[in-house]
Amino acid sequence: MMEDVLVKLNPLLLWQKLHSTRRELFFTSTFDLKLRKKIVKCYIWSITLFGAETWTLRAVDQKHLESFEMWCWTRMGKTSWTDRVRNEEVLLRVKEKRNILHEISKRKANWIGHIMRRN
């Protein structure tokens, strides 16, 4: 239980948890691309963006979140980190756009709406 809370709060622990034996299911399994994208958006994004409504994002935090997003899409596209593939190419392969920062801003807007409605 305590480990799960730490994973949600610390990106390094999240990254280490993804490198466990379960990573094969999410990133390199034989599931089709569409299903793997749904699994990542459902499970990985929910853990990564836990409490994002209240975050104050600095430029460094945004850079780390975008790097993590690209790491996920690269792994999902079964591209080795030693291959010199541009981010745009990876996004084209998995048929996705960068949207983690957009998702955070959307969550913040919804959260502010709930807070304003309470008063």
Protein backbone atom coordinates (compact mmCIF):
# COMPACT_ATOMS: atom_id res chain seq x y z
CA MET A 1 0.00 0.00 0.00
CA MET A 2 2.71 2.47 0.99
CA GLU A 3 4.73 1.50 -2.10
CA ASP A 4 1.80 2.47 -4.36
CA VAL A 5 1.57 5.92 -2.76
CA LEU A 6 5.32 6.45 -3.21
CA VAL A 7 5.10 5.39 -6.85
CA LYS A 8 2.41 7.97 -7.50
CA LEU A 9 4.46 10.74 -5.93
CA ASN A 10 7.91 9.94 -7.28
CA PRO A 11 8.48 9.72 -11.06
CA LEU A 12 11.69 7.76 -10.53
CA LEU A 13 9.84 5.06 -8.60
CA LEU A 14 7.15 5.03 -11.29
CA TRP A 15 9.81 4.50 -13.94
CA GLN A 16 11.35 1.67 -11.92
CA LYS A 17 7.95 0.06 -11.44
CA LEU A 18 7.35 0.13 -15.19
CA HIS A 19 10.67 -1.63 -15.67
CA SER A 20 9.42 -4.56 -13.66
CA THR A 21 8.13 -7.75 -15.22
CA ARG A 22 4.78 -6.16 -16.05
CA ARG A 23 6.31 -3.89 -18.68
CA GLU A 24 6.09 -6.69 -21.22
CA LEU A 25 2.30 -6.55 -21.05
CA PHE A 26 2.09 -2.83 -21.67
CA PHE A 27 4.80 -2.18 -24.19
CA THR A 28 6.18 -5.17 -26.03
CA SER A 29 3.39 -7.70 -25.99
CA THR A 30 1.73 -9.19 -29.02
CA PHE A 31 -1.46 -7.17 -28.53
CA ASP A 32 -2.35 -4.92 -31.42
CA LEU A 33 -1.33 -1.27 -31.26
CA LYS A 34 -4.82 0.05 -30.59
CA LEU A 35 -5.27 -2.13 -27.51
CA ARG A 36 -1.79 -1.31 -26.17
CA LYS A 37 -2.51 2.42 -26.52
CA LYS A 38 -5.76 2.01 -24.58
CA ILE A 39 -4.00 0.06 -21.84
CA VAL A 40 -1.27 2.69 -21.50
CA LYS A 41 -3.76 5.56 -21.44
CA CYS A 42 -5.88 3.77 -18.88
CA TYR A 43 -3.25 2.46 -16.49
CA ILE A 44 -0.02 4.37 -17.04
CA TRP A 45 -1.54 7.82 -17.50
CA SER A 46 -3.80 7.42 -14.47
CA ILE A 47 -0.80 6.63 -12.26
CA THR A 48 1.39 9.31 -13.83
CA LEU A 49 -1.20 12.07 -13.64
CA PHE A 50 -2.47 11.28 -10.14
CA GLY A 51 -3.24 14.64 -8.52
CA ALA A 52 -2.17 16.63 -11.59
CA GLU A 53 -5.03 19.06 -11.00
CA THR A 54 -3.12 20.63 -8.13
CA TRP A 55 0.38 20.60 -9.59
CA THR A 56 2.33 23.74 -10.28
CA LEU A 57 4.27 22.82 -13.39
CA ARG A 58 7.69 24.33 -13.87
CA ALA A 59 9.48 24.16 -17.21
CA VAL A 60 11.63 21.31 -15.89
CA ASP A 61 8.53 19.35 -14.85
CA GLN A 62 6.97 19.84 -18.28
CA LYS A 63 10.15 18.61 -19.93
CA HIS A 64 10.20 15.49 -17.73
CA LEU A 65 6.54 14.73 -18.43
CA GLU A 66 7.05 15.10 -22.18
CA SER A 67 10.14 12.89 -22.00
CA PHE A 68 8.19 10.25 -20.11
CA GLU A 69 5.39 10.40 -22.68
CA MET A 70 7.85 9.95 -25.54
CA TRP A 71 9.53 7.10 -23.65
CA CYS A 72 6.16 5.34 -23.42
CA TRP A 73 5.36 5.83 -27.11
CA THR A 74 8.86 4.72 -28.11
CA ARG A 75 8.57 1.54 -26.08
CA MET A 76 5.11 0.90 -27.43
CA GLY A 77 6.34 1.30 -30.97
CA LYS A 78 8.94 -1.38 -30.22
CA THR A 79 11.75 1.03 -31.06
CA SER A 80 15.02 0.46 -29.28
CA TRP A 81 16.52 3.41 -27.46
CA THR A 82 19.73 2.90 -29.43
CA ASP A 83 17.94 3.52 -32.74
CA ARG A 84 18.21 7.12 -33.81
CA VAL A 85 14.57 7.83 -34.48
CA ARG A 86 13.11 11.32 -34.19
CA ASN A 87 10.18 11.91 -31.87
CA GLU A 88 7.96 12.90 -34.78
CA GLU A 89 8.65 9.57 -36.45
CA VAL A 90 7.81 7.67 -33.26
CA LEU A 91 4.52 9.57 -32.95
CA LEU A 92 3.68 8.76 -36.58
CA ARG A 93 4.40 5.07 -36.00
CA VAL A 94 2.03 4.83 -33.03
CA LYS A 95 -0.46 7.27 -34.60
CA GLU A 96 -0.51 9.59 -31.59
CA LYS A 97 0.14 13.22 -30.74
CA ARG A 98 1.83 14.68 -27.71
CA ASN A 99 -1.00 15.34 -25.32
CA ILE A 100 0.11 14.82 -21.73
CA LEU A 101 0.38 18.56 -21.01
CA HIS A 102 -2.97 19.15 -22.71
CA GLU A 103 -4.50 16.45 -20.52
CA ILE A 104 -3.12 18.13 -17.39
CA SER A 105 -4.53 21.52 -18.39
CA LYS A 106 -7.89 19.88 -19.11
CA ARG A 107 -7.90 18.25 -15.67
CA LYS A 108 -6.99 21.57 -14.03
CA ALA A 109 -9.85 23.32 -15.82
CA ASN A 110 -12.33 20.66 -14.66
CA TRP A 111 -11.04 20.84 -11.10
CA ILE A 112 -11.32 24.65 -11.00
CA GLY A 113 -14.90 24.33 -12.27
CA HIS A 114 -15.76 22.02 -9.38
CA ILE A 115 -14.16 24.35 -6.84
CA MET A 116 -15.94 27.42 -8.23
CA ARG A 117 -19.30 25.65 -8.23
CA ARG A 118 -18.94 24.83 -4.53
CA ASN A 119 -18.99 28.48 -3.53
